[in-house]
C-alpha cells in the first residue's frame, strides 16, 4: 500500500469519499472514533456506502466485546476483506477471523508482548501499534513527554512491534501523530518511521497525507546515490569503498530499498498487503 493511511469514523459516510481522495488507503473505524450510541449507524453506513475494497481497511472492535459479533455481521454484507482488529492480544483470537486478511493492532501491554506470536498467525498480513491505549493499559496517563517525544515505554513498544512484523516478513504501520497542527513534528516522526523500516504511517487528518508521503518517498539525490552505489557494486567482488564509505551487503540492501520505494511513488492507490485465508462466500 501507499504509505499515507487515513482513519475515518465509520459513522461519517459524508467523509468516506473525501478521505479516499486524499489517502493511499483508508481505515473506516467502527471502534474508538465512534461513540457507542452511534455504532449501529456506523455499521449501517458501512454497508450502504461501499468504497474501493482494495484501498479500504475496516477497524473492528476487540473480540471480547459485544460489538465484535455485530461488526462481523455487518462486514458479511460488504465486499471488504481487509480488517484491523483493535486491541489484538493473542493469536488464538485471530482464528475467529480466518476468512479475512487482518492488520493486528497491538495497543495493550499484553498485545505488545505477544506481538511476535500475533504476527506469525497465518491470516495476519501486517501489524500496527498504538501508544495511548498501551500506556493506559499500564495505568499511565501519557505516551509522550512535554516536547512531544515518546516516553521510553512507548519507544520500546514501537520497536518491538516493528521487529515482530519484520521477523514474520510482514509490514508494520506506525501509529498516528495526534497534534494535527504540528506538521514539523509529524515530518520528523515520519522520517524516522521510514528510515526505521515501517511500511506506512497512519494518520487522523487529511493535512497529514502529503507530509507522510514526502517522508516515505526518496529524494532525487537519494535515488541518484543509490543508483551509483549499485552500479559500482557490479564491478566489485565483495566489500568495497564508495565515496569514502565502506560498502557491504547490508548497505546494498538499503540502496535497493530506496529504489523500490522510488518505484512506488507517486501513490499506487491500492492496498498491497498480501491476502491471507480464503475469501468468504
C-alpha atoms as a PDB file:
ATOM      1  CA  UNK A   1       0.000   0.000   0.000  1.00  0.00           C
ATOM      2  CA  UNK A   2       0.996   3.592  -0.226  1.00  0.00           C
ATOM      3  CA  UNK A   3       2.428   4.992   2.994  1.00  0.00           C
ATOM      4  CA  UNK A   4      -0.280   7.524   3.907  1.00  0.00           C
ATOM      5  CA  UNK A   5      -3.231   5.826   5.625  1.00  0.00           C
ATOM      6  CA  UNK A   6      -6.122   7.863   6.974  1.00  0.00           C
ATOM      7  CA  UNK A   7      -8.582   6.950   9.722  1.00  0.00           C
ATOM      8  CA  UNK A   8     -12.199   7.926   9.055  1.00  0.00           C
ATOM      9  CA  UNK A   9     -15.092   7.438  11.507  1.00  0.00           C
ATOM     10  CA  UNK A  10     -17.468   4.886  10.022  1.00  0.00           C
ATOM     11  CA  UNK A  11     -20.471   6.886  11.225  1.00  0.00           C
ATOM     12  CA  UNK A  12     -19.466   9.767   8.924  1.00  0.00           C
ATOM     13  CA  UNK A  13     -20.180   8.452   5.408  1.00  0.00           C
ATOM     14  CA  UNK A  14     -20.027  12.033   4.154  1.00  0.00           C
ATOM     15  CA  UNK A  15     -16.280  11.837   4.769  1.00  0.00           C
ATOM     16  CA  UNK A  16     -15.598   8.477   3.110  1.00  0.00           C
ATOM     17  CA  UNK A  17     -15.027   9.808  -0.392  1.00  0.00           C
ATOM     18  CA  UNK A  18     -13.051  12.821   0.785  1.00  0.00           C
ATOM     19  CA  UNK A  19     -10.751  10.586   2.805  1.00  0.00           C
ATOM     20  CA  UNK A  20     -10.275   8.191  -0.093  1.00  0.00           C
ATOM     21  CA  UNK A  21      -9.402  11.058  -2.412  1.00  0.00           C
ATOM     22  CA  UNK A  22      -6.605  12.244  -0.138  1.00  0.00           C
ATOM     23  CA  UNK A  23      -5.177   8.997   1.223  1.00  0.00           C
ATOM     24  CA  UNK A  24      -3.430   5.957  -0.208  1.00  0.00           C
ATOM     25  CA  UNK A  25      -5.756   3.795   1.870  1.00  0.00           C
ATOM     26  CA  UNK A  26      -8.418   4.486   4.465  1.00  0.00           C
ATOM     27  CA  UNK A  27      -9.357   2.832   7.739  1.00  0.00           C
ATOM     28  CA  UNK A  28     -13.098   3.039   8.325  1.00  0.00           C
ATOM     29  CA  UNK A  29     -13.294   2.933  12.093  1.00  0.00           C
ATOM     30  CA  UNK A  30     -16.031   1.108  13.987  1.00  0.00           C
ATOM     31  CA  UNK A  31     -14.189   1.365  17.307  1.00  0.00           C
ATOM     32  CA  UNK A  32     -12.748   4.352  19.175  1.00  0.00           C
ATOM     33  CA  UNK A  33     -13.651   7.007  16.595  1.00  0.00           C
ATOM     34  CA  UNK A  34     -17.353   6.188  17.024  1.00  0.00           C
ATOM     35  CA  UNK A  35     -19.314   6.870  20.208  1.00  0.00           C
ATOM     36  CA  UNK A  36     -21.048   3.682  21.411  1.00  0.00           C
ATOM     37  CA  UNK A  37     -24.571   5.034  20.722  1.00  0.00           C
ATOM     38  CA  UNK A  38     -23.584   5.675  17.101  1.00  0.00           C
ATOM     39  CA  UNK A  39     -22.104   2.282  16.293  1.00  0.00           C
ATOM     40  CA  UNK A  40     -25.272   0.785  14.811  1.00  0.00           C
ATOM     41  CA  UNK A  41     -25.431   3.780  12.479  1.00  0.00           C
ATOM     42  CA  UNK A  42     -21.738   3.308  11.663  1.00  0.00           C
ATOM     43  CA  UNK A  43     -22.308  -0.317  10.673  1.00  0.00           C
ATOM     44  CA  UNK A  44     -25.303   0.580   8.502  1.00  0.00           C
ATOM     45  CA  UNK A  45     -23.265   3.332   6.854  1.00  0.00           C
ATOM     46  CA  UNK A  46     -20.511   0.855   6.112  1.00  0.00           C
ATOM     47  CA  UNK A  47     -22.937  -1.438   4.310  1.00  0.00           C
ATOM     48  CA  UNK A  48     -24.788   1.143   2.217  1.00  0.00           C
ATOM     49  CA  UNK A  49     -21.824   3.333   1.257  1.00  0.00           C
ATOM     50  CA  UNK A  50     -19.365   0.975  -0.452  1.00  0.00           C
ATOM     51  CA  UNK A  51     -15.813   2.124  -1.109  1.00  0.00           C
ATOM     52  CA  UNK A  52     -12.968   0.515  -3.058  1.00  0.00           C
ATOM     53  CA  UNK A  53     -12.274  -2.712  -1.114  1.00  0.00           C
ATOM     54  CA  UNK A  54      -8.667  -2.758  -2.324  1.00  0.00           C
ATOM     55  CA  UNK A  55      -7.998   0.547  -0.587  1.00  0.00           C
ATOM     56  CA  UNK A  56     -10.164   0.105   2.500  1.00  0.00           C
ATOM     57  CA  UNK A  57      -9.450  -1.441   5.887  1.00  0.00           C
ATOM     58  CA  UNK A  58     -12.217  -1.775   8.482  1.00  0.00           C
ATOM     59  CA  UNK A  59     -11.224  -1.372  12.127  1.00  0.00           C
ATOM     60  CA  UNK A  60     -13.458  -3.604  14.203  1.00  0.00           C
ATOM     61  CA  UNK A  61     -13.953  -3.845  17.941  1.00  0.00           C
ATOM     62  CA  UNK A  62     -11.983  -6.283  20.132  1.00  0.00           C
ATOM     63  CA  UNK A  63     -13.013  -9.921  20.178  1.00  0.00           C
ATOM     64  CA  UNK A  64     -14.080  -9.816  23.834  1.00  0.00           C
ATOM     65  CA  UNK A  65     -16.752  -7.138  23.268  1.00  0.00           C
ATOM     66  CA  UNK A  66     -20.415  -7.411  22.314  1.00  0.00           C
ATOM     67  CA  UNK A  67     -19.695  -5.110  19.367  1.00  0.00           C
ATOM     68  CA  UNK A  68     -17.372  -7.677  17.751  1.00  0.00           C
ATOM     69  CA  UNK A  69     -20.122 -10.029  16.537  1.00  0.00           C
ATOM     70  CA  UNK A  70     -22.191  -7.083  15.295  1.00  0.00           C
ATOM     71  CA  UNK A  71     -19.188  -5.766  13.361  1.00  0.00           C
ATOM     72  CA  UNK A  72     -18.642  -9.162  11.715  1.00  0.00           C
ATOM     73  CA  UNK A  73     -22.313  -9.421  10.763  1.00  0.00           C
ATOM     74  CA  UNK A  74     -22.122  -6.040   9.051  1.00  0.00           C
ATOM     75  CA  UNK A  75     -18.862  -6.963   7.311  1.00  0.00           C
ATOM     76  CA  UNK A  76     -20.540 -10.057   5.911  1.00  0.00           C
ATOM     77  CA  UNK A  77     -22.794  -7.752   3.891  1.00  0.00           C
ATOM     78  CA  UNK A  78     -19.853  -5.937   2.281  1.00  0.00           C
ATOM     79  CA  UNK A  79     -17.007  -6.770  -0.117  1.00  0.00           C
ATOM     80  CA  UNK A  80     -14.365  -5.736   2.428  1.00  0.00           C
ATOM     81  CA  UNK A  81     -11.681  -8.305   3.176  1.00  0.00           C
ATOM     82  CA  UNK A  82      -9.046  -6.221   4.983  1.00  0.00           C
ATOM     83  CA  UNK A  83      -9.807  -5.620   8.635  1.00  0.00           C
ATOM     84  CA  UNK A  84      -7.901  -4.127  11.542  1.00  0.00           C
ATOM     85  CA  UNK A  85      -8.513  -5.868  14.844  1.00  0.00           C
ATOM     86  CA  UNK A  86      -8.424  -3.374  17.698  1.00  0.00           C
ATOM     87  CA  UNK A  87      -6.561  -4.394  20.862  1.00  0.00           C
ATOM     88  CA  UNK A  88      -5.274  -7.656  19.424  1.00  0.00           C
ATOM     89  CA  UNK A  89      -3.747  -9.557  22.323  1.00  0.00           C
ATOM     90  CA  UNK A  90      -3.258 -13.213  21.456  1.00  0.00           C
ATOM     91  CA  UNK A  91      -3.075 -15.303  18.285  1.00  0.00           C
ATOM     92  CA  UNK A  92      -5.921 -17.597  19.375  1.00  0.00           C
ATOM     93  CA  UNK A  93      -8.463 -14.797  18.988  1.00  0.00           C
ATOM     94  CA  UNK A  94      -7.462 -14.351  15.370  1.00  0.00           C
ATOM     95  CA  UNK A  95      -8.853 -17.776  14.487  1.00  0.00           C
ATOM     96  CA  UNK A  96     -12.314 -16.179  14.540  1.00  0.00           C
ATOM     97  CA  UNK A  97     -11.209 -14.041  11.602  1.00  0.00           C
ATOM     98  CA  UNK A  98      -9.771 -16.781   9.402  1.00  0.00           C
ATOM     99  CA  UNK A  99     -11.681 -15.572   6.330  1.00  0.00           C
ATOM    100  CA  UNK A 100     -10.165 -12.095   6.493  1.00  0.00           C
ATOM    101  CA  UNK A 101      -6.761 -10.505   5.980  1.00  0.00           C
ATOM    102  CA  UNK A 102      -6.028  -8.941   9.345  1.00  0.00           C
ATOM    103  CA  UNK A 103      -3.912  -5.985  10.351  1.00  0.00           C
ATOM    104  CA  UNK A 104      -3.424  -6.698  14.052  1.00  0.00           C
ATOM    105  CA  UNK A 105      -3.413  -3.545  16.162  1.00  0.00           C
ATOM    106  CA  UNK A 106      -1.178  -4.187  19.179  1.00  0.00           C
ATOM    107  CA  UNK A 107      -2.113  -1.472  21.646  1.00  0.00           C
ATOM    108  CA  UNK A 108      -2.169  -3.036  25.102  1.00  0.00           C
ATOM    109  CA  UNK A 109       0.664  -4.336  27.250  1.00  0.00           C
ATOM    110  CA  UNK A 110      -0.414  -7.907  26.504  1.00  0.00           C
ATOM    111  CA  UNK A 111      -0.708  -7.251  22.790  1.00  0.00           C
ATOM    112  CA  UNK A 112       2.734  -5.654  22.610  1.00  0.00           C
ATOM    113  CA  UNK A 113       4.390  -8.531  24.481  1.00  0.00           C
ATOM    114  CA  UNK A 114       2.598 -11.096  22.289  1.00  0.00           C
ATOM    115  CA  UNK A 115       3.342  -9.263  19.023  1.00  0.00           C
ATOM    116  CA  UNK A 116       5.693 -11.986  17.663  1.00  0.00           C
ATOM    117  CA  UNK A 117       3.067 -14.709  18.120  1.00  0.00           C
ATOM    118  CA  UNK A 118       0.363 -12.458  16.694  1.00  0.00           C
ATOM    119  CA  UNK A 119       2.499 -11.631  13.655  1.00  0.00           C
ATOM    120  CA  UNK A 120       3.011 -15.342  12.981  1.00  0.00           C
ATOM    121  CA  UNK A 121      -0.741 -16.031  12.689  1.00  0.00           C
ATOM    122  CA  UNK A 122      -1.472 -17.098   9.093  1.00  0.00           C
ATOM    123  CA  UNK A 123      -4.280 -14.612   8.495  1.00  0.00           C
ATOM    124  CA  UNK A 124      -2.309 -11.638   9.844  1.00  0.00           C
ATOM    125  CA  UNK A 125      -0.917  -9.584   6.978  1.00  0.00           C
ATOM    126  CA  UNK A 126       0.543  -6.698   8.983  1.00  0.00           C
ATOM    127  CA  UNK A 127       0.913  -5.141  12.415  1.00  0.00           C
ATOM    128  CA  UNK A 128       0.216  -1.691  13.771  1.00  0.00           C
ATOM    129  CA  UNK A 129       0.928  -0.386  17.237  1.00  0.00           C
ATOM    130  CA  UNK A 130      -0.927   2.139  19.365  1.00  0.00           C
ATOM    131  CA  UNK A 131       0.580   4.296  22.079  1.00  0.00           C
ATOM    132  CA  UNK A 132      -2.233   5.772  24.154  1.00  0.00           C
ATOM    133  CA  UNK A 133      -4.199   2.579  24.791  1.00  0.00           C
ATOM    134  CA  UNK A 134      -0.950   0.786  25.602  1.00  0.00           C
ATOM    135  CA  UNK A 135       0.066   3.378  28.185  1.00  0.00           C
ATOM    136  CA  UNK A 136      -3.468   3.363  29.611  1.00  0.00           C
ATOM    137  CA  UNK A 137      -3.279  -0.427  29.984  1.00  0.00           C
ATOM    138  CA  UNK A 138      -0.250   0.140  32.232  1.00  0.00           C
ATOM    139  CA  UNK A 139      -2.049   2.730  34.335  1.00  0.00           C
ATOM    140  CA  UNK A 140      -0.142   5.617  32.745  1.00  0.00           C
ATOM    141  CA  UNK A 141      -1.507   8.941  31.574  1.00  0.00           C
ATOM    142  CA  UNK A 142       0.547   9.989  28.545  1.00  0.00           C
ATOM    143  CA  UNK A 143       2.712   8.304  25.909  1.00  0.00           C
ATOM    144  CA  UNK A 144       4.691  11.457  25.136  1.00  0.00           C
ATOM    145  CA  UNK A 145       6.840  13.933  27.018  1.00  0.00           C
ATOM    146  CA  UNK A 146       6.198  17.677  27.012  1.00  0.00           C
ATOM    147  CA  UNK A 147       8.453  18.051  23.943  1.00  0.00           C
ATOM    148  CA  UNK A 148       6.182  15.566  22.077  1.00  0.00           C
ATOM    149  CA  UNK A 149       8.824  12.823  22.042  1.00  0.00           C
ATOM    150  CA  UNK A 150       7.671   9.353  23.039  1.00  0.00           C
ATOM    151  CA  UNK A 151       8.384   8.095  26.528  1.00  0.00           C
ATOM    152  CA  UNK A 152      10.760   5.136  26.764  1.00  0.00           C
ATOM    153  CA  UNK A 153       7.996   2.580  27.231  1.00  0.00           C
ATOM    154  CA  UNK A 154       6.257   3.768  24.064  1.00  0.00           C
ATOM    155  CA  UNK A 155       9.520   3.653  22.119  1.00  0.00           C
ATOM    156  CA  UNK A 156      10.024   0.085  23.298  1.00  0.00           C
ATOM    157  CA  UNK A 157       6.518  -0.866  22.162  1.00  0.00           C
ATOM    158  CA  UNK A 158       7.066   0.764  18.778  1.00  0.00           C
ATOM    159  CA  UNK A 159      10.351  -1.038  18.234  1.00  0.00           C
ATOM    160  CA  UNK A 160       9.028  -4.380  19.499  1.00  0.00           C
ATOM    161  CA  UNK A 161       6.070  -4.365  17.105  1.00  0.00           C
ATOM    162  CA  UNK A 162       8.277  -3.333  14.174  1.00  0.00           C
ATOM    163  CA  UNK A 163      10.729  -6.141  14.934  1.00  0.00           C
ATOM    164  CA  UNK A 164       7.919  -8.687  15.368  1.00  0.00           C
ATOM    165  CA  UNK A 165       6.447  -7.765  11.998  1.00  0.00           C
ATOM    166  CA  UNK A 166       9.845  -7.837  10.307  1.00  0.00           C
ATOM    167  CA  UNK A 167      10.712 -11.219  11.782  1.00  0.00           C
ATOM    168  CA  UNK A 168       7.469 -12.599  10.338  1.00  0.00           C
ATOM    169  CA  UNK A 169       8.122 -10.982   6.958  1.00  0.00           C
ATOM    170  CA  UNK A 170       5.102  -8.713   7.265  1.00  0.00           C
ATOM    171  CA  UNK A 171       4.739  -4.916   7.060  1.00  0.00           C
ATOM    172  CA  UNK A 172       4.340  -2.662  10.079  1.00  0.00           C
ATOM    173  CA  UNK A 173       2.301   0.544  10.243  1.00  0.00           C
ATOM    174  CA  UNK A 174       3.466   3.346  12.523  1.00  0.00           C
ATOM    175  CA  UNK A 175       0.994   4.915  14.941  1.00  0.00           C
ATOM    176  CA  UNK A 176      -0.757   8.253  14.482  1.00  0.00           C
ATOM    177  CA  UNK A 177       0.616  11.687  15.347  1.00  0.00           C
ATOM    178  CA  UNK A 178      -2.242  13.380  17.155  1.00  0.00           C
ATOM    179  CA  UNK A 179      -1.020  17.015  17.131  1.00  0.00           C
ATOM    180  CA  UNK A 180      -2.629  17.945  13.830  1.00  0.00           C
ATOM    181  CA  UNK A 181      -1.133  21.441  13.650  1.00  0.00           C
ATOM    182  CA  UNK A 182       2.443  20.266  14.293  1.00  0.00           C
ATOM    183  CA  UNK A 183       3.410  19.244  10.770  1.00  0.00           C
ATOM    184  CA  UNK A 184       7.107  19.674  11.577  1.00  0.00           C
ATOM    185  CA  UNK A 185       6.827  17.136  14.384  1.00  0.00           C
ATOM    186  CA  UNK A 186       4.905  14.811  12.091  1.00  0.00           C
ATOM    187  CA  UNK A 187       7.647  15.101   9.476  1.00  0.00           C
ATOM    188  CA  UNK A 188      10.363  14.229  11.990  1.00  0.00           C
ATOM    189  CA  UNK A 189       8.435  11.199  13.209  1.00  0.00           C
ATOM    190  CA  UNK A 190       7.509  10.086   9.677  1.00  0.00           C
ATOM    191  CA  UNK A 191      11.136  10.405   8.549  1.00  0.00           C
ATOM    192  CA  UNK A 192      12.153   8.173  11.428  1.00  0.00           C
ATOM    193  CA  UNK A 193       9.398   5.655  10.636  1.00  0.00           C
ATOM    194  CA  UNK A 194      10.514   5.364   7.015  1.00  0.00           C
ATOM    195  CA  UNK A 195      14.202   5.101   7.920  1.00  0.00           C
ATOM    196  CA  UNK A 196      13.477   2.501  10.610  1.00  0.00           C
ATOM    197  CA  UNK A 197      11.568   0.183   8.303  1.00  0.00           C
ATOM    198  CA  UNK A 198       7.871   0.907   8.792  1.00  0.00           C
ATOM    199  CA  UNK A 199       5.892   0.381   5.582  1.00  0.00           C
ATOM    200  CA  UNK A 200       3.381   3.157   6.273  1.00  0.00           C
ATOM    201  CA  UNK A 201       2.117   5.609   8.852  1.00  0.00           C
ATOM    202  CA  UNK A 202      -1.470   6.008   9.980  1.00  0.00           C
ATOM    203  CA  UNK A 203      -2.966   9.460  10.397  1.00  0.00           C
ATOM    204  CA  UNK A 204      -6.044  11.255  11.620  1.00  0.00           C
ATOM    205  CA  UNK A 205      -6.322  14.288   9.332  1.00  0.00           C
ATOM    206  CA  UNK A 206      -6.084  14.868   5.557  1.00  0.00           C
ATOM    207  CA  UNK A 207      -3.483  17.624   6.063  1.00  0.00           C
ATOM    208  CA  UNK A 208      -1.030  14.946   7.224  1.00  0.00           C
ATOM    209  CA  UNK A 209      -1.121  12.966   3.978  1.00  0.00           C
ATOM    210  CA  UNK A 210       1.446  14.881   1.965  1.00  0.00           C
ATOM    211  CA  UNK A 211       3.889  15.120   4.856  1.00  0.00           C
ATOM    212  CA  UNK A 212       3.834  11.361   5.295  1.00  0.00           C
ATOM    213  CA  UNK A 213       4.253  10.722   1.572  1.00  0.00           C
ATOM    214  CA  UNK A 214       7.254  13.023   1.428  1.00  0.00           C
ATOM    215  CA  UNK A 215       8.920  11.103   4.254  1.00  0.00           C
ATOM    216  CA  UNK A 216       8.427   7.758   2.550  1.00  0.00           C
ATOM    217  CA  UNK A 217       9.397   8.974  -0.932  1.00  0.00           C
ATOM    218  CA  UNK A 218      13.159   9.063  -1.608  1.00  0.00           C
ATOM    219  CA  UNK A 219      14.543  12.345  -2.890  1.00  0.00           C
ATOM    220  CA  UNK A 220      16.205  12.579  -6.295  1.00  0.00           C
ATOM    221  CA  UNK A 221      19.563  12.891  -4.530  1.00  0.00           C
ATOM    222  CA  UNK A 222      18.921   9.678  -2.590  1.00  0.00           C
ATOM    223  CA  UNK A 223      17.814   7.840  -5.728  1.00  0.00           C
ATOM    224  CA  UNK A 224      20.843   9.024  -7.718  1.00  0.00           C
ATOM    225  CA  UNK A 225      23.209   7.933  -4.970  1.00  0.00           C
ATOM    226  CA  UNK A 226      21.568   4.525  -4.679  1.00  0.00           C
ATOM    227  CA  UNK A 227      21.845   4.008  -8.438  1.00  0.00           C
ATOM    228  CA  UNK A 228      25.516   4.984  -8.438  1.00  0.00           C
ATOM    229  CA  UNK A 229      26.207   2.729  -5.495  1.00  0.00           C
ATOM    230  CA  UNK A 230      24.565  -0.296  -7.080  1.00  0.00           C
ATOM    231  CA  UNK A 231      26.333   0.367 -10.357  1.00  0.00           C
ATOM    232  CA  UNK A 232      29.668   0.479  -8.528  1.00  0.00           C
ATOM    233  CA  UNK A 233      28.836  -2.804  -6.782  1.00  0.00           C
ATOM    234  CA  UNK A 234      28.543  -4.607 -10.130  1.00  0.00           C
ATOM    235  CA  UNK A 235      32.300  -4.335 -10.622  1.00  0.00           C
ATOM    236  CA  UNK A 236      33.277  -5.301  -7.094  1.00  0.00           C
ATOM    237  CA  UNK A 237      33.942  -8.717  -5.690  1.00  0.00           C
ATOM    238  CA  UNK A 238      32.782  -8.066  -2.145  1.00  0.00           C
ATOM    239  CA  UNK A 239      33.326  -5.254   0.325  1.00  0.00           C
ATOM    240  CA  UNK A 240      34.410  -2.033  -1.383  1.00  0.00           C
ATOM    241  CA  UNK A 241      34.682   1.696  -0.784  1.00  0.00           C
ATOM    242  CA  UNK A 242      32.224   4.130  -2.316  1.00  0.00           C
ATOM    243  CA  UNK A 243      32.551   7.876  -1.870  1.00  0.00           C
ATOM    244  CA  UNK A 244      34.686   7.332   1.221  1.00  0.00           C
ATOM    245  CA  UNK A 245      32.359   4.825   2.868  1.00  0.00           C
ATOM    246  CA  UNK A 246      32.791   1.080   3.282  1.00  0.00           C
ATOM    247  CA  UNK A 247      30.046  -0.810   1.469  1.00  0.00           C
ATOM    248  CA  UNK A 248      28.926  -4.358   2.190  1.00  0.00           C
ATOM    249  CA  UNK A 249      25.716  -6.291   1.535  1.00  0.00           C
ATOM    250  CA  UNK A 250      23.535  -4.534   4.176  1.00  0.00           C
ATOM    251  CA  UNK A 251      24.380  -1.157   2.638  1.00  0.00           C
ATOM    252  CA  UNK A 252      23.456  -2.510  -0.792  1.00  0.00           C
ATOM    253  CA  UNK A 253      20.126  -3.720   0.575  1.00  0.00           C
ATOM    254  CA  UNK A 254      19.443  -0.210   1.839  1.00  0.00           C
ATOM    255  CA  UNK A 255      20.113   1.118  -1.667  1.00  0.00           C
ATOM    256  CA  UNK A 256      17.799  -1.443  -3.240  1.00  0.00           C
ATOM    257  CA  UNK A 257      15.068  -0.486  -0.781  1.00  0.00           C
ATOM    258  CA  UNK A 258      15.494   3.178  -1.701  1.00  0.00           C
ATOM    259  CA  UNK A 259      14.949   2.376  -5.376  1.00  0.00           C
ATOM    260  CA  UNK A 260      11.982   0.137  -4.572  1.00  0.00           C
ATOM    261  CA  UNK A 261      10.322   2.967  -2.664  1.00  0.00           C
ATOM    262  CA  UNK A 262      11.012   5.353  -5.529  1.00  0.00           C
ATOM    263  CA  UNK A 263       9.246   2.978  -7.923  1.00  0.00           C
ATOM    264  CA  UNK A 264       6.139   3.060  -5.714  1.00  0.00           C
ATOM    265  CA  UNK A 265       5.879   6.846  -5.994  1.00  0.00           C
ATOM    266  CA  UNK A 266       3.547   8.535  -6.663  1.00  0.00           C
ATOM    267  CA  UNK A 267       0.904   6.678  -4.676  1.00  0.00           C
ATOM    268  CA  UNK A 268      -0.333   3.446  -6.156  1.00  0.00           C
ATOM    269  CA  UNK A 269      -3.933   3.644  -4.934  1.00  0.00           C
ATOM    270  CA  UNK A 270      -4.132   0.020  -3.785  1.00  0.00           C
ATOM    271  CA  UNK A 271      -3.601  -1.800  -0.547  1.00  0.00           C
ATOM    272  CA  UNK A 272      -0.787  -4.229  -1.364  1.00  0.00           C
ATOM    273  CA  UNK A 273      -0.877  -6.165   1.877  1.00  0.00           C
ATOM    274  CA  UNK A 274      -0.860  -9.869   0.940  1.00  0.00           C
ATOM    275  CA  UNK A 275      -4.176 -11.657   1.038  1.00  0.00           C
ATOM    276  CA  UNK A 276      -4.492 -14.356   3.666  1.00  0.00           C
ATOM    277  CA  UNK A 277      -7.110 -17.034   4.047  1.00  0.00           C
ATOM    278  CA  UNK A 278      -9.946 -17.912   1.661  1.00  0.00           C
ATOM    279  CA  UNK A 279     -12.376 -15.269   0.582  1.00  0.00           C
ATOM    280  CA  UNK A 280     -15.760 -15.588   2.245  1.00  0.00           C
ATOM    281  CA  UNK A 281     -18.571 -16.897   0.073  1.00  0.00           C
END
